[in-house]
PDB file of all heavy atoms in Angstrom:
ATOM      1  N   ILE A   1       0.856  -1.183   0.000  1.00  0.00           N
ATOM      2  CA  ILE A   1       0.000   0.000   0.000  1.00  0.00           C
ATOM      3  C   ILE A   1       0.892   1.232   0.000  1.00  0.00           C
ATOM      4  O   ILE A   1       1.797   1.358   0.833  1.00  0.00           O
ATOM      5  CB  ILE A   1      -0.926   0.014   1.227  1.00  0.00           C
ATOM      6  CG1 ILE A   1      -1.678  -1.318   1.342  1.00  0.00           C
ATOM      7  CG2 ILE A   1      -1.918   1.166   1.153  1.00  0.00           C
ATOM      8  CD1 ILE A   1      -2.489  -1.454   2.622  1.00  0.00           C
ATOM      9  N   CYS A   2       0.633   2.134  -0.929  1.00  0.00           N
ATOM     10  CA  CYS A   2       1.434   3.358  -1.080  1.00  0.00           C
ATOM     11  C   CYS A   2       0.568   4.557  -0.724  1.00  0.00           C
ATOM     12  O   CYS A   2      -0.554   4.697  -1.229  1.00  0.00           O
ATOM     13  CB  CYS A   2       1.967   3.461  -2.509  1.00  0.00           C
ATOM     14  SG  CYS A   2       2.913   4.977  -2.842  1.00  0.00           S
ATOM     15  N   ASP A   3       1.084   5.413   0.135  1.00  0.00           N
ATOM     16  CA  ASP A   3       0.337   6.606   0.516  1.00  0.00           C
ATOM     17  C   ASP A   3       0.196   7.535  -0.681  1.00  0.00           C
ATOM     18  O   ASP A   3       1.153   7.790  -1.405  1.00  0.00           O
ATOM     19  CB  ASP A   3       1.075   7.331   1.647  1.00  0.00           C
ATOM     20  CG  ASP A   3       0.242   8.454   2.239  1.00  0.00           C
ATOM     21  OD1 ASP A   3      -0.996   8.333   2.264  1.00  0.00           O
ATOM     22  OD2 ASP A   3       0.832   9.462   2.678  1.00  0.00           O
ATOM     23  N   GLY A   4      -1.025   8.031  -0.897  1.00  0.00           N
ATOM     24  CA  GLY A   4      -1.263   8.959  -1.991  1.00  0.00           C
ATOM     25  C   GLY A   4      -1.890   8.345  -3.214  1.00  0.00           C
ATOM     26  O   GLY A   4      -2.096   9.044  -4.219  1.00  0.00           O
ATOM     27  N   THR A   5      -2.211   7.044  -3.181  1.00  0.00           N
ATOM     28  CA  THR A   5      -2.826   6.391  -4.332  1.00  0.00           C
ATOM     29  C   THR A   5      -3.799   5.315  -3.858  1.00  0.00           C
ATOM     30  O   THR A   5      -3.539   4.654  -2.839  1.00  0.00           O
ATOM     31  CB  THR A   5      -1.778   5.759  -5.264  1.00  0.00           C
ATOM     32  OG1 THR A   5      -2.436   5.051  -6.324  1.00  0.00           O
ATOM     33  CG2 THR A   5      -0.875   4.812  -4.512  1.00  0.00           C
ATOM     34  N   PRO A   6      -4.917   5.119  -4.552  1.00  0.00           N
ATOM     35  CA  PRO A   6      -5.857   4.059  -4.159  1.00  0.00           C
ATOM     36  C   PRO A   6      -5.517   2.698  -4.742  1.00  0.00           C
ATOM     37  O   PRO A   6      -6.212   1.726  -4.465  1.00  0.00           O
ATOM     38  CB  PRO A   6      -7.190   4.574  -4.726  1.00  0.00           C
ATOM     39  CG  PRO A   6      -6.807   5.343  -5.934  1.00  0.00           C
ATOM     40  CD  PRO A   6      -5.470   5.972  -5.621  1.00  0.00           C
ATOM     41  N   PHE A   7      -4.477   2.609  -5.559  1.00  0.00           N
ATOM     42  CA  PHE A   7      -4.131   1.353  -6.222  1.00  0.00           C
ATOM     43  C   PHE A   7      -3.104   0.594  -5.385  1.00  0.00           C
ATOM     44  O   PHE A   7      -2.006   1.078  -5.138  1.00  0.00           O
ATOM     45  CB  PHE A   7      -3.591   1.613  -7.628  1.00  0.00           C
ATOM     46  CG  PHE A   7      -4.632   2.147  -8.566  1.00  0.00           C
ATOM     47  CD1 PHE A   7      -4.761   3.509  -8.774  1.00  0.00           C
ATOM     48  CD2 PHE A   7      -5.494   1.293  -9.230  1.00  0.00           C
ATOM     49  CE1 PHE A   7      -5.730   4.011  -9.620  1.00  0.00           C
ATOM     50  CE2 PHE A   7      -6.466   1.782 -10.089  1.00  0.00           C
ATOM     51  CZ  PHE A   7      -6.591   3.142 -10.283  1.00  0.00           C
ATOM     52  N   VAL A   8      -3.501  -0.603  -4.957  1.00  0.00           N
ATOM     53  CA  VAL A   8      -2.675  -1.448  -4.093  1.00  0.00           C
ATOM     54  C   VAL A   8      -2.072  -2.580  -4.923  1.00  0.00           C
ATOM     55  O   VAL A   8      -2.765  -3.201  -5.745  1.00  0.00           O
ATOM     56  CB  VAL A   8      -3.523  -2.022  -2.932  1.00  0.00           C
ATOM     57  CG1 VAL A   8      -2.714  -3.013  -2.102  1.00  0.00           C
ATOM     58  CG2 VAL A   8      -4.047  -0.893  -2.064  1.00  0.00           C
ATOM     59  N   LEU A   9      -0.791  -2.847  -4.713  1.00  0.00           N
ATOM     60  CA  LEU A   9      -0.099  -3.920  -5.432  1.00  0.00           C
ATOM     61  C   LEU A   9      -0.249  -5.231  -4.666  1.00  0.00           C
ATOM     62  O   LEU A   9      -0.213  -5.242  -3.429  1.00  0.00           O
ATOM     63  CB  LEU A   9       1.384  -3.584  -5.592  1.00  0.00           C
ATOM     64  CG  LEU A   9       1.731  -2.245  -6.244  1.00  0.00           C
ATOM     65  CD1 LEU A   9       3.240  -2.065  -6.306  1.00  0.00           C
ATOM     66  CD2 LEU A   9       1.130  -2.134  -7.630  1.00  0.00           C
ATOM     67  N   THR A  10      -0.406  -6.328  -5.400  1.00  0.00           N
ATOM     68  CA  THR A  10      -0.457  -7.658  -4.792  1.00  0.00           C
ATOM     69  C   THR A  10       0.528  -8.570  -5.508  1.00  0.00           C
ATOM     70  O   THR A  10       0.675  -8.501  -6.733  1.00  0.00           O
ATOM     71  CB  THR A  10      -1.872  -8.266  -4.871  1.00  0.00           C
ATOM     72  OG1 THR A  10      -2.286  -8.347  -6.247  1.00  0.00           O
ATOM     73  CG2 THR A  10      -2.868  -7.426  -4.089  1.00  0.00           C
ATOM     74  N   LEU A  11       1.180  -9.422  -4.757  1.00  0.00           N
ATOM     75  CA  LEU A  11       2.173 -10.336  -5.320  1.00  0.00           C
ATOM     76  C   LEU A  11       2.271 -11.572  -4.436  1.00  0.00           C
ATOM     77  O   LEU A  11       1.947 -11.495  -3.243  1.00  0.00           O
ATOM     78  CB  LEU A  11       3.534  -9.634  -5.434  1.00  0.00           C
ATOM     79  CG  LEU A  11       4.110  -9.017  -4.151  1.00  0.00           C
ATOM     80  CD1 LEU A  11       5.105  -9.933  -3.457  1.00  0.00           C
ATOM     81  CD2 LEU A  11       4.708  -7.679  -4.446  1.00  0.00           C
ATOM     82  N   PRO A  12       2.676 -12.708  -5.012  1.00  0.00           N
ATOM     83  CA  PRO A  12       2.914 -12.990  -6.429  1.00  0.00           C
ATOM     84  C   PRO A  12       1.618 -12.901  -7.245  1.00  0.00           C
ATOM     85  O   PRO A  12       0.529 -13.016  -6.697  1.00  0.00           O
ATOM     86  CB  PRO A  12       3.451 -14.425  -6.433  1.00  0.00           C
ATOM     87  CG  PRO A  12       3.874 -14.699  -5.024  1.00  0.00           C
ATOM     88  CD  PRO A  12       2.953 -13.896  -4.172  1.00  0.00           C
ATOM     89  N   TYR A  13       1.785 -12.708  -8.558  1.00  0.00           N
ATOM     90  CA  TYR A  13       0.644 -12.542  -9.444  1.00  0.00           C
ATOM     91  C   TYR A  13       0.723 -13.582 -10.550  1.00  0.00           C
ATOM     92  O   TYR A  13       1.789 -13.790 -11.141  1.00  0.00           O
ATOM     93  CB  TYR A  13       0.673 -11.137 -10.043  1.00  0.00           C
ATOM     94  CG  TYR A  13      -0.532 -10.792 -10.880  1.00  0.00           C
ATOM     95  CD1 TYR A  13      -1.763 -10.532 -10.291  1.00  0.00           C
ATOM     96  CD2 TYR A  13      -0.431 -10.705 -12.263  1.00  0.00           C
ATOM     97  CE1 TYR A  13      -2.868 -10.190 -11.060  1.00  0.00           C
ATOM     98  CE2 TYR A  13      -1.530 -10.364 -13.033  1.00  0.00           C
ATOM     99  CZ  TYR A  13      -2.742 -10.108 -12.427  1.00  0.00           C
ATOM    100  OH  TYR A  13      -3.836  -9.782 -13.189  1.00  0.00           O
ATOM    101  N   LEU A  14      -0.406 -14.254 -10.827  1.00  0.00           N
ATOM    102  CA  LEU A  14      -0.446 -15.327 -11.816  1.00  0.00           C
ATOM    103  C   LEU A  14      -1.296 -14.909 -13.014  1.00  0.00           C
ATOM    104  O   LEU A  14      -2.200 -14.072 -12.890  1.00  0.00           O
ATOM    105  CB  LEU A  14      -1.015 -16.607 -11.196  1.00  0.00           C
ATOM    106  CG  LEU A  14      -0.370 -17.075  -9.890  1.00  0.00           C
ATOM    107  CD1 LEU A  14      -1.061 -18.318  -9.383  1.00  0.00           C
ATOM    108  CD2 LEU A  14       1.116 -17.316 -10.086  1.00  0.00           C
ATOM    109  N   PHE A  15      -1.037 -15.514 -14.160  1.00  0.00           N
ATOM    110  CA  PHE A  15      -1.772 -15.173 -15.370  1.00  0.00           C
ATOM    111  C   PHE A  15      -3.264 -15.478 -15.236  1.00  0.00           C
ATOM    112  O   PHE A  15      -4.108 -14.736 -15.754  1.00  0.00           O
ATOM    113  CB  PHE A  15      -1.193 -15.943 -16.565  1.00  0.00           C
ATOM    114  CG  PHE A  15      -1.922 -15.689 -17.849  1.00  0.00           C
ATOM    115  CD1 PHE A  15      -1.729 -14.520 -18.553  1.00  0.00           C
ATOM    116  CD2 PHE A  15      -2.819 -16.624 -18.344  1.00  0.00           C
ATOM    117  CE1 PHE A  15      -2.418 -14.270 -19.734  1.00  0.00           C
ATOM    118  CE2 PHE A  15      -3.514 -16.394 -19.517  1.00  0.00           C
ATOM    119  CZ  PHE A  15      -3.310 -15.217 -20.215  1.00  0.00           C
ATOM    120  N   VAL A  16      -3.597 -16.532 -14.521  1.00  0.00           N
ATOM    121  CA  VAL A  16      -4.999 -16.924 -14.390  1.00  0.00           C
ATOM    122  C   VAL A  16      -5.816 -15.864 -13.665  1.00  0.00           C
ATOM    123  O   VAL A  16      -7.033 -15.763 -13.837  1.00  0.00           O
ATOM    124  CB  VAL A  16      -5.092 -18.289 -13.666  1.00  0.00           C
ATOM    125  CG1 VAL A  16      -4.742 -18.149 -12.200  1.00  0.00           C
ATOM    126  CG2 VAL A  16      -6.479 -18.891 -13.828  1.00  0.00           C
ATOM    127  N   GLU A  17      -5.164 -15.018 -12.879  1.00  0.00           N
ATOM    128  CA  GLU A  17      -5.880 -13.971 -12.154  1.00  0.00           C
ATOM    129  C   GLU A  17      -6.443 -12.903 -13.082  1.00  0.00           C
ATOM    130  O   GLU A  17      -7.371 -12.178 -12.697  1.00  0.00           O
ATOM    131  CB  GLU A  17      -4.957 -13.323 -11.119  1.00  0.00           C
ATOM    132  CG  GLU A  17      -4.529 -14.259 -10.004  1.00  0.00           C
ATOM    133  CD  GLU A  17      -3.615 -13.580  -9.007  1.00  0.00           C
ATOM    134  OE1 GLU A  17      -4.021 -12.554  -8.432  1.00  0.00           O
ATOM    135  OE2 GLU A  17      -2.493 -14.062  -8.800  1.00  0.00           O
ATOM    136  N   THR A  18      -5.895 -12.794 -14.286  1.00  0.00           N
ATOM    137  CA  THR A  18      -6.410 -11.800 -15.229  1.00  0.00           C
ATOM    138  C   THR A  18      -7.811 -12.162 -15.717  1.00  0.00           C
ATOM    139  O   THR A  18      -8.531 -11.299 -16.229  1.00  0.00           O
ATOM    140  CB  THR A  18      -5.472 -11.674 -16.438  1.00  0.00           C
ATOM    141  OG1 THR A  18      -5.363 -12.956 -17.095  1.00  0.00           O
ATOM    142  CG2 THR A  18      -4.086 -11.226 -16.012  1.00  0.00           C
ATOM    143  N   LEU A  19      -8.196 -13.427 -15.594  1.00  0.00           N
ATOM    144  CA  LEU A  19      -9.516 -13.881 -16.033  1.00  0.00           C
ATOM    145  C   LEU A  19     -10.488 -14.026 -14.870  1.00  0.00           C
ATOM    146  O   LEU A  19     -11.601 -14.518 -15.051  1.00  0.00           O
ATOM    147  CB  LEU A  19      -9.385 -15.229 -16.766  1.00  0.00           C
ATOM    148  CG  LEU A  19      -8.423 -15.261 -17.956  1.00  0.00           C
ATOM    149  CD1 LEU A  19      -8.313 -16.670 -18.511  1.00  0.00           C
ATOM    150  CD2 LEU A  19      -8.869 -14.292 -19.039  1.00  0.00           C
ATOM    151  N   GLN A  20     -10.077 -13.610 -13.679  1.00  0.00           N
ATOM    152  CA  GLN A  20     -10.917 -13.754 -12.499  1.00  0.00           C
ATOM    153  C   GLN A  20     -11.417 -12.396 -12.031  1.00  0.00           C
ATOM    154  O   GLN A  20     -10.832 -11.349 -12.343  1.00  0.00           O
ATOM    155  CB  GLN A  20     -10.139 -14.445 -11.367  1.00  0.00           C
ATOM    156  CG  GLN A  20      -9.703 -15.856 -11.712  1.00  0.00           C
ATOM    157  CD  GLN A  20      -8.826 -16.464 -10.634  1.00  0.00           C
ATOM    158  OE1 GLN A  20      -8.365 -15.783  -9.725  1.00  0.00           O
ATOM    159  NE2 GLN A  20      -8.597 -17.766 -10.728  1.00  0.00           N
ATOM    160  N   SER A  21     -12.504 -12.432 -11.271  1.00  0.00           N
ATOM    161  CA  SER A  21     -13.082 -11.226 -10.692  1.00  0.00           C
ATOM    162  C   SER A  21     -13.529 -11.548  -9.272  1.00  0.00           C
ATOM    163  O   SER A  21     -13.902 -12.689  -8.963  1.00  0.00           O
ATOM    164  CB  SER A  21     -14.265 -10.730 -11.521  1.00  0.00           C
ATOM    165  OG  SER A  21     -14.961  -9.694 -10.861  1.00  0.00           O
ATOM    166  N   SER A  22     -13.493 -10.542  -8.407  1.00  0.00           N
ATOM    167  CA  SER A  22     -13.937 -10.768  -7.028  1.00  0.00           C
ATOM    168  C   SER A  22     -15.404 -11.151  -6.970  1.00  0.00           C
ATOM    169  O   SER A  22     -15.845 -11.853  -6.053  1.00  0.00           O
ATOM    170  CB  SER A  22     -13.693  -9.503  -6.194  1.00  0.00           C
ATOM    171  OG  SER A  22     -14.383  -8.398  -6.745  1.00  0.00           O
ATOM    172  N   GLU A  23     -16.179 -10.735  -7.971  1.00  0.00           N
ATOM    173  CA  GLU A  23     -17.605 -11.055  -8.006  1.00  0.00           C
ATOM    174  C   GLU A  23     -17.847 -12.544  -8.230  1.00  0.00           C
ATOM    175  O   GLU A  23     -18.926 -13.050  -7.915  1.00  0.00           O
ATOM    176  CB  GLU A  23     -18.280 -10.235  -9.106  1.00  0.00           C
ATOM    177  CG  GLU A  23     -19.786 -10.277  -9.082  1.00  0.00           C
ATOM    178  CD  GLU A  23     -20.387  -9.396 -10.149  1.00  0.00           C
ATOM    179  OE1 GLU A  23     -19.625  -8.800 -10.939  1.00  0.00           O
ATOM    180  OE2 GLU A  23     -21.626  -9.300 -10.200  1.00  0.00           O
ATOM    181  N   ASP A  24     -16.861 -13.260  -8.779  1.00  0.00           N
ATOM    182  CA  ASP A  24     -17.018 -14.697  -9.010  1.00  0.00           C
ATOM    183  C   ASP A  24     -17.317 -15.452  -7.720  1.00  0.00           C
ATOM    184  O   ASP A  24     -18.020 -16.469  -7.736  1.00  0.00           O
ATOM    185  CB  ASP A  24     -15.752 -15.273  -9.655  1.00  0.00           C
ATOM    186  CG  ASP A  24     -15.513 -14.705 -11.037  1.00  0.00           C
ATOM    187  OD1 ASP A  24     -16.455 -14.135 -11.605  1.00  0.00           O
ATOM    188  OD2 ASP A  24     -14.386 -14.816 -11.543  1.00  0.00           O
ATOM    189  N   TYR A  25     -16.771 -14.964  -6.605  1.00  0.00           N
ATOM    190  CA  TYR A  25     -16.934 -15.663  -5.336  1.00  0.00           C
ATOM    191  C   TYR A  25     -18.219 -15.265  -4.617  1.00  0.00           C
ATOM    192  O   TYR A  25     -18.579 -15.877  -3.618  1.00  0.00           O
ATOM    193  CB  TYR A  25     -15.729 -15.388  -4.434  1.00  0.00           C
ATOM    194  CG  TYR A  25     -14.433 -15.812  -5.075  1.00  0.00           C
ATOM    195  CD1 TYR A  25     -13.637 -14.889  -5.769  1.00  0.00           C
ATOM    196  CD2 TYR A  25     -14.000 -17.133  -5.014  1.00  0.00           C
ATOM    197  CE1 TYR A  25     -12.453 -15.271  -6.372  1.00  0.00           C
ATOM    198  CE2 TYR A  25     -12.810 -17.528  -5.606  1.00  0.00           C
ATOM    199  CZ  TYR A  25     -12.051 -16.590  -6.293  1.00  0.00           C
ATOM    200  OH  TYR A  25     -10.876 -16.971  -6.901  1.00  0.00           O
ATOM    201  N   TYR A  26     -18.897 -14.241  -5.121  1.00  0.00           N
ATOM    202  CA  TYR A  26     -20.158 -13.817  -4.509  1.00  0.00           C
ATOM    203  C   TYR A  26     -21.360 -14.380  -5.248  1.00  0.00           C
ATOM    204  O   TYR A  26     -22.484 -14.322  -4.738  1.00  0.00           O
ATOM    205  CB  TYR A  26     -20.267 -12.283  -4.494  1.00  0.00           C
ATOM    206  CG  TYR A  26     -19.043 -11.582  -3.949  1.00  0.00           C
ATOM    207  CD1 TYR A  26     -18.601 -10.370  -4.481  1.00  0.00           C
ATOM    208  CD2 TYR A  26     -18.316 -12.128  -2.892  1.00  0.00           C
ATOM    209  CE1 TYR A  26     -17.484  -9.733  -3.989  1.00  0.00           C
ATOM    210  CE2 TYR A  26     -17.185 -11.497  -2.400  1.00  0.00           C
ATOM    211  CZ  TYR A  26     -16.776 -10.294  -2.962  1.00  0.00           C
ATOM    212  OH  TYR A  26     -15.666  -9.674  -2.462  1.00  0.00           O
ATOM    213  N   SER A  27     -21.131 -14.893  -6.463  1.00  0.00           N
ATOM    214  CA  SER A  27     -22.223 -15.427  -7.280  1.00  0.00           C
ATOM    215  C   SER A  27     -22.289 -16.944  -7.142  1.00  0.00           C
ATOM    216  O   SER A  27     -21.353 -17.593  -6.662  1.00  0.00           O
ATOM    217  CB  SER A  27     -22.010 -15.046  -8.745  1.00  0.00           C
ATOM    218  OG  SER A  27     -21.871 -13.649  -8.891  1.00  0.00           O
ATOM    219  N   ARG A  28     -23.381 -17.514  -7.606  1.00  0.00           N
ATOM    220  CA  ARG A  28     -23.541 -18.964  -7.561  1.00  0.00           C
ATOM    221  C   ARG A  28     -22.598 -19.622  -8.561  1.00  0.00           C
ATOM    222  O   ARG A  28     -22.163 -19.015  -9.531  1.00  0.00           O
ATOM    223  CB  ARG A  28     -24.999 -19.331  -7.834  1.00  0.00           C
ATOM    224  CG  ARG A  28     -25.945 -18.724  -6.806  1.00  0.00           C
ATOM    225  CD  ARG A  28     -27.388 -19.079  -7.039  1.00  0.00           C
ATOM    226  NE  ARG A  28     -27.651 -20.480  -6.732  1.00  0.00           N
ATOM    227  CZ  ARG A  28     -28.037 -21.373  -7.629  1.00  0.00           C
ATOM    228  NH1 ARG A  28     -28.175 -21.030  -8.890  1.00  0.00           N
ATOM    229  NH2 ARG A  28     -28.260 -22.626  -7.269  1.00  0.00           N
ATOM    230  N   ILE A  29     -22.322 -20.898  -8.329  1.00  0.00           N
ATOM    231  CA  ILE A  29     -21.243 -21.587  -9.031  1.00  0.00           C
ATOM    232  C   ILE A  29     -21.417 -21.597 -10.549  1.00  0.00           C
ATOM    233  O   ILE A  29     -20.471 -21.324 -11.293  1.00  0.00           O
ATOM    234  CB  ILE A  29     -21.083 -23.028  -8.484  1.00  0.00           C
ATOM    235  CG1 ILE A  29     -20.085 -23.799  -9.329  1.00  0.00           C
ATOM    236  CG2 ILE A  29     -22.405 -23.743  -8.398  1.00  0.00           C
ATOM    237  CD1 ILE A  29     -19.805 -25.185  -8.822  1.00  0.00           C
ATOM    238  N   LEU A  30     -22.621 -21.885 -11.051  1.00  0.00           N
ATOM    239  CA  LEU A  30     -22.813 -21.987 -12.493  1.00  0.00           C
ATOM    240  C   LEU A  30     -22.616 -20.643 -13.176  1.00  0.00           C
ATOM    241  O   LEU A  30     -21.966 -20.550 -14.226  1.00  0.00           O
ATOM    242  CB  LEU A  30     -24.211 -22.542 -12.800  1.00  0.00           C
ATOM    243  CG  LEU A  30     -24.462 -23.995 -12.374  1.00  0.00           C
ATOM    244  CD1 LEU A  30     -25.896 -24.400 -12.697  1.00  0.00           C
ATOM    245  CD2 LEU A  30     -23.472 -24.929 -13.069  1.00  0.00           C
ATOM    246  N   TYR A  31     -23.172 -19.587 -12.581  1.00  0.00           N
ATOM    247  CA  TYR A  31     -23.042 -18.258 -13.173  1.00  0.00           C
ATOM    248  C   TYR A  31     -21.594 -17.787 -13.133  1.00  0.00           C
ATOM    249  O   TYR A  31     -21.087 -17.215 -14.107  1.00  0.00           O
ATOM    250  CB  TYR A  31     -23.944 -17.282 -12.424  1.00  0.00           C
ATOM    251  CG  TYR A  31     -23.929 -15.889 -12.985  1.00  0.00           C
ATOM    252  CD1 TYR A  31     -24.494 -15.604 -14.230  1.00  0.00           C
ATOM    253  CD2 TYR A  31     -23.357 -14.840 -12.268  1.00  0.00           C
ATOM    254  CE1 TYR A  31     -24.476 -14.317 -14.744  1.00  0.00           C
ATOM    255  CE2 TYR A  31     -23.328 -13.550 -12.772  1.00  0.00           C
ATOM    256  CZ  TYR A  31     -23.895 -13.293 -14.016  1.00  0.00           C
ATOM    257  OH  TYR A  31     -23.865 -12.029 -14.530  1.00  0.00           O
ATOM    258  N   ALA A  32     -20.902 -18.030 -12.013  1.00  0.00           N
ATOM    259  CA  ALA A  32     -19.502 -17.613 -11.888  1.00  0.00           C
ATOM    260  C   ALA A  32     -18.618 -18.355 -12.887  1.00  0.00           C
ATOM    261  O   ALA A  32     -17.759 -17.755 -13.541  1.00  0.00           O
ATOM    262  CB  ALA A  32     -19.013 -17.852 -10.463  1.00  0.00           C
TER     263      ALA A  32
END
């Protein structure tokens, strides 16, 4: 977390994460 910006870095980062969304875990399995 860097002061002065709302963008937070996360690591390690995998390619599969580019196809994921946080909403996937809030929706039902078939729709997600």
